[in-house]
Amino acid sequence: MLKKLGVSSSGYYSWKKRTTSNQELRKRSLCTEITEIYNESHQIYGAPKITSILRSRGHAVSEKTVGNYMKELGIKAIWVSPYTRTT
């Protein structure tokens, strides 16, 4: 099977033994918190508001990072248009 995939056996077993990095663990925890905040807001909050909530919870994260994670998760805020009087 490894020959068909074009992977050496030593490379496969070293990949399998590898542990997750601290950056990956941080990303996973942030993504779960982002989806939690997003769902609590009924899919209305965007990256700026989620960033401010995460910062108030003690996370040091930028708005761009939150936006990139939201894009990876496939979520975006629903824009609620303000009421416009037409007559």
PDB file of N, CA and C in Angstrom:
ATOM      1  N   MET A   1       0.821  -1.180   0.000  1.00  0.00           N
ATOM      2  CA  MET A   1       0.000   0.000   0.000  1.00  0.00           C
ATOM      3  C   MET A   1       0.876   1.260   0.000  1.00  0.00           C
ATOM      4  N   LEU A   2       1.971   1.228   0.745  1.00  0.00           N
ATOM      5  CA  LEU A   2       2.843   2.398   0.801  1.00  0.00           C
ATOM      6  C   LEU A   2       3.481   2.684  -0.549  1.00  0.00           C
ATOM      7  N   LYS A   3       3.785   1.628  -1.305  1.00  0.00           N
ATOM      8  CA  LYS A   3       4.378   1.827  -2.630  1.00  0.00           C
ATOM      9  C   LYS A   3       3.401   2.524  -3.565  1.00  0.00           C
ATOM     10  N   LYS A   4       2.125   2.172  -3.473  1.00  0.00           N
ATOM     11  CA  LYS A   4       1.124   2.812  -4.330  1.00  0.00           C
ATOM     12  C   LYS A   4       0.952   4.285  -3.987  1.00  0.00           C
ATOM     13  N   LEU A   5       1.104   4.622  -2.716  1.00  0.00           N
ATOM     14  CA  LEU A   5       0.992   6.013  -2.299  1.00  0.00           C
ATOM     15  C   LEU A   5       2.284   6.788  -2.527  1.00  0.00           C
ATOM     16  N   GLY A   6       3.374   6.071  -2.770  1.00  0.00           N
ATOM     17  CA  GLY A   6       4.651   6.730  -2.996  1.00  0.00           C
ATOM     18  C   GLY A   6       5.289   7.239  -1.718  1.00  0.00           C
ATOM     19  N   VAL A   7       5.083   6.506  -0.614  1.00  0.00           N
ATOM     20  CA  VAL A   7       5.612   6.913   0.683  1.00  0.00           C
ATOM     21  C   VAL A   7       6.546   5.820   1.184  1.00  0.00           C
ATOM     22  N   SER A   8       7.673   6.225   1.761  1.00  0.00           N
ATOM     23  CA  SER A   8       8.583   5.238   2.327  1.00  0.00           C
ATOM     24  C   SER A   8       8.019   4.727   3.654  1.00  0.00           C
ATOM     25  N   SER A   9       8.388   3.510   4.001  1.00  0.00           N
ATOM     26  CA  SER A   9       7.855   2.932   5.237  1.00  0.00           C
ATOM     27  C   SER A   9       8.385   3.676   6.459  1.00  0.00           C
ATOM     28  N   SER A  10       9.649   4.109   6.410  1.00  0.00           N
ATOM     29  CA  SER A  10      10.190   4.856   7.551  1.00  0.00           C
ATOM     30  C   SER A  10       9.482   6.200   7.704  1.00  0.00           C
ATOM     31  N   GLY A  11       9.163   6.844   6.589  1.00  0.00           N
ATOM     32  CA  GLY A  11       8.437   8.110   6.637  1.00  0.00           C
ATOM     33  C   GLY A  11       7.040   7.934   7.199  1.00  0.00           C
ATOM     34  N   TYR A  12       6.385   6.828   6.820  1.00  0.00           N
ATOM     35  CA  TYR A  12       5.035   6.560   7.320  1.00  0.00           C
ATOM     36  C   TYR A  12       5.045   6.353   8.826  1.00  0.00           C
ATOM     37  N   TYR A  13       5.977   5.530   9.308  1.00  0.00           N
ATOM     38  CA  TYR A  13       5.996   5.230  10.734  1.00  0.00           C
ATOM     39  C   TYR A  13       6.449   6.429  11.567  1.00  0.00           C
ATOM     40  N   SER A  14       7.330   7.264  11.021  1.00  0.00           N
ATOM     41  CA  SER A  14       7.710   8.471  11.765  1.00  0.00           C
ATOM     42  C   SER A  14       6.539   9.455  11.815  1.00  0.00           C
ATOM     43  N   TRP A  15       5.733   9.520  10.745  1.00  0.00           N
ATOM     44  CA  TRP A  15       4.537  10.366  10.738  1.00  0.00           C
ATOM     45  C   TRP A  15       3.522   9.865  11.757  1.00  0.00           C
ATOM     46  N   LYS A  16       3.387   8.528  11.830  1.00  0.00           N
ATOM     47  CA  LYS A  16       2.412   7.938  12.738  1.00  0.00           C
ATOM     48  C   LYS A  16       2.807   8.147  14.203  1.00  0.00           C
ATOM     49  N   LYS A  17       4.114   8.176  14.494  1.00  0.00           N
ATOM     50  CA  LYS A  17       4.601   8.333  15.849  1.00  0.00           C
ATOM     51  C   LYS A  17       4.620   9.797  16.300  1.00  0.00           C
ATOM     52  N   ARG A  18       4.551  10.717  15.358  1.00  0.00           N
ATOM     53  CA  ARG A  18       4.662  12.143  15.655  1.00  0.00           C
ATOM     54  C   ARG A  18       3.508  12.615  16.546  1.00  0.00           C
ATOM     55  N   THR A  19       3.823  13.476  17.499  1.00  0.00           N
ATOM     56  CA  THR A  19       2.795  14.030  18.383  1.00  0.00           C
ATOM     57  C   THR A  19       2.357  15.394  17.855  1.00  0.00           C
ATOM     58  N   THR A  20       1.221  15.853  18.335  1.00  0.00           N
ATOM     59  CA  THR A  20       0.720  17.148  17.879  1.00  0.00           C
ATOM     60  C   THR A  20       1.501  18.268  18.556  1.00  0.00           C
ATOM     61  N   SER A  21       1.731  19.334  17.812  1.00  0.00           N
ATOM     62  CA  SER A  21       2.509  20.459  18.323  1.00  0.00           C
ATOM     63  C   SER A  21       1.638  21.346  19.211  1.00  0.00           C
ATOM     64  N   ASN A  22       2.293  22.221  19.952  1.00  0.00           N
ATOM     65  CA  ASN A  22       1.559  23.160  20.809  1.00  0.00           C
ATOM     66  C   ASN A  22       0.701  24.099  19.981  1.00  0.00           C
ATOM     67  N   GLN A  23       1.209  24.482  18.809  1.00  0.00           N
ATOM     68  CA  GLN A  23       0.458  25.376  17.930  1.00  0.00           C
ATOM     69  C   GLN A  23      -0.827  24.701  17.446  1.00  0.00           C
ATOM     70  N   GLU A  24      -0.739  23.423  17.110  1.00  0.00           N
ATOM     71  CA  GLU A  24      -1.920  22.697  16.652  1.00  0.00           C
ATOM     72  C   GLU A  24      -2.932  22.533  17.786  1.00  0.00           C
ATOM     73  N   LEU A  25      -2.448  22.270  18.994  1.00  0.00           N
ATOM     74  CA  LEU A  25      -3.354  22.154  20.141  1.00  0.00           C
ATOM     75  C   LEU A  25      -4.055  23.477  20.421  1.00  0.00           C
ATOM     76  N   ARG A  26      -3.314  24.597  20.320  1.00  0.00           N
ATOM     77  CA  ARG A  26      -3.905  25.920  20.533  1.00  0.00           C
ATOM     78  C   ARG A  26      -4.952  26.211  19.467  1.00  0.00           C
ATOM     79  N   LYS A  27      -4.640  25.828  18.222  1.00  0.00           N
ATOM     80  CA  LYS A  27      -5.578  26.065  17.122  1.00  0.00           C
ATOM     81  C   LYS A  27      -6.869  25.286  17.339  1.00  0.00           C
ATOM     82  N   ARG A  28      -6.752  24.040  17.759  1.00  0.00           N
ATOM     83  CA  ARG A  28      -7.945  23.222  18.004  1.00  0.00           C
ATOM     84  C   ARG A  28      -8.817  23.819  19.096  1.00  0.00           C
ATOM     85  N   SER A  29      -8.186  24.256  20.197  1.00  0.00           N
ATOM     86  CA  SER A  29      -8.979  24.814  21.293  1.00  0.00           C
ATOM     87  C   SER A  29      -9.628  26.132  20.886  1.00  0.00           C
ATOM     88  N   LEU A  30      -8.901  26.958  20.115  1.00  0.00           N
ATOM     89  CA  LEU A  30      -9.484  28.214  19.647  1.00  0.00           C
ATOM     90  C   LEU A  30     -10.641  27.957  18.690  1.00  0.00           C
ATOM     91  N   CYS A  31     -10.492  26.971  17.819  1.00  0.00           N
ATOM     92  CA  CYS A  31     -11.567  26.674  16.864  1.00  0.00           C
ATOM     93  C   CYS A  31     -12.827  26.204  17.578  1.00  0.00           C
ATOM     94  N   THR A  32     -12.674  25.407  18.630  1.00  0.00           N
ATOM     95  CA  THR A  32     -13.864  24.975  19.360  1.00  0.00           C
ATOM     96  C   THR A  32     -14.521  26.152  20.073  1.00  0.00           C
ATOM     97  N   GLU A  33     -13.708  27.056  20.634  1.00  0.00           N
ATOM     98  CA  GLU A  33     -14.288  28.234  21.291  1.00  0.00           C
ATOM     99  C   GLU A  33     -14.940  29.169  20.285  1.00  0.00           C
ATOM    100  N   ILE A  34     -14.339  29.303  19.101  1.00  0.00           N
ATOM    101  CA  ILE A  34     -14.916  30.167  18.065  1.00  0.00           C
ATOM    102  C   ILE A  34     -16.277  29.641  17.642  1.00  0.00           C
ATOM    103  N   THR A  35     -16.379  28.340  17.401  1.00  0.00           N
ATOM    104  CA  THR A  35     -17.669  27.780  16.996  1.00  0.00           C
ATOM    105  C   THR A  35     -18.690  27.880  18.128  1.00  0.00           C
ATOM    106  N   GLU A  36     -18.239  27.743  19.368  1.00  0.00           N
ATOM    107  CA  GLU A  36     -19.145  27.869  20.514  1.00  0.00           C
ATOM    108  C   GLU A  36     -19.706  29.292  20.607  1.00  0.00           C
ATOM    109  N   ILE A  37     -18.835  30.293  20.497  1.00  0.00           N
ATOM    110  CA  ILE A  37     -19.278  31.692  20.554  1.00  0.00           C
ATOM    111  C   ILE A  37     -20.180  32.000  19.369  1.00  0.00           C
ATOM    112  N   TYR A  38     -19.813  31.496  18.200  1.00  0.00           N
ATOM    113  CA  TYR A  38     -20.578  31.736  16.975  1.00  0.00           C
ATOM    114  C   TYR A  38     -21.989  31.176  17.097  1.00  0.00           C
ATOM    115  N   ASN A  39     -22.112  29.975  17.632  1.00  0.00           N
ATOM    116  CA  ASN A  39     -23.435  29.358  17.772  1.00  0.00           C
ATOM    117  C   ASN A  39     -24.251  29.999  18.891  1.00  0.00           C
ATOM    118  N   GLU A  40     -23.595  30.462  19.950  1.00  0.00           N
ATOM    119  CA  GLU A  40     -24.316  31.154  21.019  1.00  0.00           C
ATOM    120  C   GLU A  40     -24.901  32.475  20.538  1.00  0.00           C
ATOM    121  N   SER A  41     -24.247  33.083  19.546  1.00  0.00           N
ATOM    122  CA  SER A  41     -24.727  34.371  19.026  1.00  0.00           C
ATOM    123  C   SER A  41     -25.747  34.186  17.909  1.00  0.00           C
ATOM    124  N   HIS A  42     -26.178  32.956  17.667  1.00  0.00           N
ATOM    125  CA  HIS A  42     -27.123  32.638  16.590  1.00  0.00           C
ATOM    126  C   HIS A  42     -26.550  33.015  15.225  1.00  0.00           C
ATOM    127  N   GLN A  43     -25.257  32.739  15.027  1.00  0.00           N
ATOM    128  CA  GLN A  43     -24.509  32.964  13.783  1.00  0.00           C
ATOM    129  C   GLN A  43     -24.471  34.428  13.349  1.00  0.00           C
ATOM    130  N   ILE A  44     -24.526  35.355  14.286  1.00  0.00           N
ATOM    131  CA  ILE A  44     -24.519  36.774  13.948  1.00  0.00           C
ATOM    132  C   ILE A  44     -23.133  37.386  14.131  1.00  0.00           C
ATOM    133  N   TYR A  45     -22.378  36.963  15.135  1.00  0.00           N
ATOM    134  CA  TYR A  45     -21.086  37.580  15.422  1.00  0.00           C
ATOM    135  C   TYR A  45     -20.058  37.244  14.352  1.00  0.00           C
ATOM    136  N   GLY A  46     -19.270  38.243  13.996  1.00  0.00           N
ATOM    137  CA  GLY A  46     -18.174  38.071  13.058  1.00  0.00           C
ATOM    138  C   GLY A  46     -16.844  38.023  13.792  1.00  0.00           C
ATOM    139  N   ALA A  47     -15.763  38.112  13.019  1.00  0.00           N
ATOM    140  CA  ALA A  47     -14.424  38.002  13.590  1.00  0.00           C
ATOM    141  C   ALA A  47     -14.108  39.094  14.614  1.00  0.00           C
ATOM    142  N   PRO A  48     -14.483  40.376  14.378  1.00  0.00           N
ATOM    143  CA  PRO A  48     -14.136  41.389  15.380  1.00  0.00           C
ATOM    144  C   PRO A  48     -14.783  41.152  16.745  1.00  0.00           C
ATOM    145  N   LYS A  49     -16.049  40.815  16.754  1.00  0.00           N
ATOM    146  CA  LYS A  49     -16.753  40.602  18.028  1.00  0.00           C
ATOM    147  C   LYS A  49     -16.260  39.323  18.705  1.00  0.00           C
ATOM    148  N   ILE A  50     -16.018  38.264  17.937  1.00  0.00           N
ATOM    149  CA  ILE A  50     -15.510  37.017  18.514  1.00  0.00           C
ATOM    150  C   ILE A  50     -14.118  37.240  19.093  1.00  0.00           C
ATOM    151  N   THR A  51     -13.301  38.051  18.407  1.00  0.00           N
ATOM    152  CA  THR A  51     -11.965  38.365  18.911  1.00  0.00           C
ATOM    153  C   THR A  51     -12.040  39.080  20.248  1.00  0.00           C
ATOM    154  N   SER A  52     -12.942  40.037  20.366  1.00  0.00           N
ATOM    155  CA  SER A  52     -13.058  40.768  21.635  1.00  0.00           C
ATOM    156  C   SER A  52     -13.534  39.856  22.760  1.00  0.00           C
ATOM    157  N   ILE A  53     -14.414  38.918  22.454  1.00  0.00           N
ATOM    158  CA  ILE A  53     -14.881  37.972  23.476  1.00  0.00           C
ATOM    159  C   ILE A  53     -13.746  37.042  23.898  1.00  0.00           C
ATOM    160  N   LEU A  54     -12.964  36.567  22.917  1.00  0.00           N
ATOM    161  CA  LEU A  54     -11.835  35.696  23.240  1.00  0.00           C
ATOM    162  C   LEU A  54     -10.795  36.434  24.077  1.00  0.00           C
ATOM    163  N   ARG A  55     -10.562  37.703  23.765  1.00  0.00           N
ATOM    164  CA  ARG A  55      -9.604  38.490  24.552  1.00  0.00           C
ATOM    165  C   ARG A  55     -10.107  38.699  25.974  1.00  0.00           C
ATOM    166  N   SER A  56     -11.416  38.882  26.132  1.00  0.00           N
ATOM    167  CA  SER A  56     -11.958  39.042  27.486  1.00  0.00           C
ATOM    168  C   SER A  56     -11.871  37.735  28.274  1.00  0.00           C
ATOM    169  N   ARG A  57     -11.822  36.617  27.574  1.00  0.00           N
ATOM    170  CA  ARG A  57     -11.653  35.316  28.231  1.00  0.00           C
ATOM    171  C   ARG A  57     -10.187  34.993  28.503  1.00  0.00           C
ATOM    172  N   GLY A  58      -9.282  35.878  28.064  1.00  0.00           N
ATOM    173  CA  GLY A  58      -7.870  35.681  28.390  1.00  0.00           C
ATOM    174  C   GLY A  58      -7.004  35.145  27.272  1.00  0.00           C
ATOM    175  N   HIS A  59      -7.516  35.049  26.054  1.00  0.00           N
ATOM    176  CA  HIS A  59      -6.720  34.564  24.927  1.00  0.00           C
ATOM    177  C   HIS A  59      -6.041  35.735  24.230  1.00  0.00           C
ATOM    178  N   ALA A  60      -4.784  35.553  23.868  1.00  0.00           N
ATOM    179  CA  ALA A  60      -4.059  36.560  23.092  1.00  0.00           C
ATOM    180  C   ALA A  60      -4.158  36.148  21.629  1.00  0.00           C
ATOM    181  N   VAL A  61      -5.111  36.741  20.914  1.00  0.00           N
ATOM    182  CA  VAL A  61      -5.371  36.344  19.533  1.00  0.00           C
ATOM    183  C   VAL A  61      -5.719  37.587  18.730  1.00  0.00           C
ATOM    184  N   SER A  62      -5.335  37.579  17.456  1.00  0.00           N
ATOM    185  CA  SER A  62      -5.631  38.731  16.600  1.00  0.00           C
ATOM    186  C   SER A  62      -6.915  38.486  15.812  1.00  0.00           C
ATOM    187  N   GLU A  63      -7.453  39.569  15.294  1.00  0.00           N
ATOM    188  CA  GLU A  63      -8.683  39.486  14.508  1.00  0.00           C
ATOM    189  C   GLU A  63      -8.454  38.712  13.215  1.00  0.00           C
ATOM    190  N   LYS A  64      -7.279  38.877  12.627  1.00  0.00           N
ATOM    191  CA  LYS A  64      -6.952  38.174  11.388  1.00  0.00           C
ATOM    192  C   LYS A  64      -6.901  36.661  11.615  1.00  0.00           C
ATOM    193  N   THR A  65      -6.343  36.247  12.744  1.00  0.00           N
ATOM    194  CA  THR A  65      -6.279  34.822  13.061  1.00  0.00           C
ATOM    195  C   THR A  65      -7.677  34.244  13.219  1.00  0.00           C
ATOM    196  N   VAL A  66      -8.533  34.953  13.917  1.00  0.00           N
ATOM    197  CA  VAL A  66      -9.912  34.490  14.107  1.00  0.00           C
ATOM    198  C   VAL A  66     -10.623  34.420  12.759  1.00  0.00           C
ATOM    199  N   GLY A  67     -10.407  35.417  11.907  1.00  0.00           N
ATOM    200  CA  GLY A  67     -11.018  35.408  10.584  1.00  0.00           C
ATOM    201  C   GLY A  67     -10.542  34.242   9.738  1.00  0.00           C
ATOM    202  N   ASN A  68      -9.244  33.932   9.808  1.00  0.00           N
ATOM    203  CA  ASN A  68      -8.713  32.795   9.052  1.00  0.00           C
ATOM    204  C   ASN A  68      -9.283  31.476   9.564  1.00  0.00           C
ATOM    205  N   TYR A  69      -9.394  31.341  10.878  1.00  0.00           N
ATOM    206  CA  TYR A  69      -9.965  30.120  11.442  1.00  0.00           C
ATOM    207  C   TYR A  69     -11.435  29.985  11.069  1.00  0.00           C
ATOM    208  N   MET A  70     -12.160  31.103  11.055  1.00  0.00           N
ATOM    209  CA  MET A  70     -13.566  31.059  10.661  1.00  0.00           C
ATOM    210  C   MET A  70     -13.697  30.635   9.202  1.00  0.00           C
ATOM    211  N   LYS A  71     -12.793  31.103   8.363  1.00  0.00           N
ATOM    212  CA  LYS A  71     -12.821  30.723   6.955  1.00  0.00           C
ATOM    213  C   LYS A  71     -12.543  29.234   6.791  1.00  0.00           C
ATOM    214  N   GLU A  72     -11.580  28.711   7.563  1.00  0.00           N
ATOM    215  CA  GLU A  72     -11.280  27.282   7.515  1.00  0.00           C
ATOM    216  C   GLU A  72     -12.464  26.448   7.989  1.00  0.00           C
ATOM    217  N   LEU A  73     -13.174  26.943   8.991  1.00  0.00           N
ATOM    218  CA  LEU A  73     -14.335  26.223   9.524  1.00  0.00           C
ATOM    219  C   LEU A  73     -15.568  26.369   8.639  1.00  0.00           C
ATOM    220  N   GLY A  74     -15.518  27.313   7.705  1.00  0.00           N
ATOM    221  CA  GLY A  74     -16.644  27.518   6.796  1.00  0.00           C
ATOM    222  C   GLY A  74     -17.793  28.272   7.425  1.00  0.00           C
ATOM    223  N   ILE A  75     -17.497  29.138   8.384  1.00  0.00           N
ATOM    224  CA  ILE A  75     -18.555  29.918   9.024  1.00  0.00           C
ATOM    225  C   ILE A  75     -18.330  31.397   8.760  1.00  0.00           C
ATOM    226  N   LYS A  76     -19.418  32.121   8.600  1.00  0.00           N
ATOM    227  CA  LYS A  76     -19.334  33.572   8.492  1.00  0.00           C
ATOM    228  C   LYS A  76     -20.597  34.181   9.060  1.00  0.00           C
ATOM    229  N   ALA A  77     -20.464  35.424   9.468  1.00  0.00           N
ATOM    230  CA  ALA A  77     -21.557  36.101  10.152  1.00  0.00           C
ATOM    231  C   ALA A  77     -22.694  36.398   9.192  1.00  0.00           C
ATOM    232  N   ILE A  78     -23.896  36.360   9.727  1.00  0.00           N
ATOM    233  CA  ILE A  78     -25.074  36.747   8.957  1.00  0.00           C
ATOM    234  C   ILE A  78     -25.240  38.245   9.129  1.00  0.00           C
ATOM    235  N   TRP A  79     -25.289  38.957   8.033  1.00  0.00           N
ATOM    236  CA  TRP A  79     -25.446  40.398   8.093  1.00  0.00           C
ATOM    237  C   TRP A  79     -26.911  40.720   8.260  1.00  0.00           C
ATOM    238  N   VAL A  80     -27.232  41.417   9.340  1.00  0.00           N
ATOM    239  CA  VAL A  80     -28.606  41.812   9.615  1.00  0.00           C
ATOM    240  C   VAL A  80     -28.759  43.235   9.114  1.00  0.00           C
ATOM    241  N   SER A  81     -29.583  43.403   8.076  1.00  0.00           N
ATOM    242  CA  SER A  81     -29.744  44.739   7.510  1.00  0.00           C
ATOM    243  C   SER A  81     -30.612  45.591   8.422  1.00  0.00           C
ATOM    244  N   PRO A  82     -30.269  46.844   8.573  1.00  0.00           N
ATOM    245  CA  PRO A  82     -31.096  47.714   9.406  1.00  0.00           C
ATOM    246  C   PRO A  82     -32.433  47.987   8.721  1.00  0.00           C
ATOM    247  N   TYR A  83     -33.426  48.279   9.535  1.00  0.00           N
ATOM    248  CA  TYR A  83     -34.752  48.562   8.998  1.00  0.00           C
ATOM    249  C   TYR A  83     -34.705  49.868   8.218  1.00  0.00           C
ATOM    250  N   THR A  84     -35.218  49.836   6.995  1.00  0.00           N
ATOM    251  CA  THR A  84     -35.266  51.028   6.160  1.00  0.00           C
ATOM    252  C   THR A  84     -36.717  51.385   5.907  1.00  0.00           C
ATOM    253  N   ARG A  85     -37.060  52.583   6.245  1.00  0.00           N
ATOM    254  CA  ARG A  85     -38.418  53.054   6.008  1.00  0.00           C
ATOM    255  C   ARG A  85     -38.517  53.499   4.555  1.00  0.00           C
ATOM    256  N   THR A  86     -39.461  52.969   3.826  1.00  0.00           N
ATOM    257  CA  THR A  86     -39.555  53.250   2.390  1.00  0.00           C
ATOM    258  C   THR A  86     -40.634  54.255   2.023  1.00  0.00           C
ATOM    259  N   THR A  87     -41.533  54.541   2.930  1.00  0.00           N
ATOM    260  CA  THR A  87     -42.582  55.513   2.577  1.00  0.00           C
ATOM    261  C   THR A  87     -42.605  56.676   3.525  1.00  0.00           C
TER     262      THR A  87
END
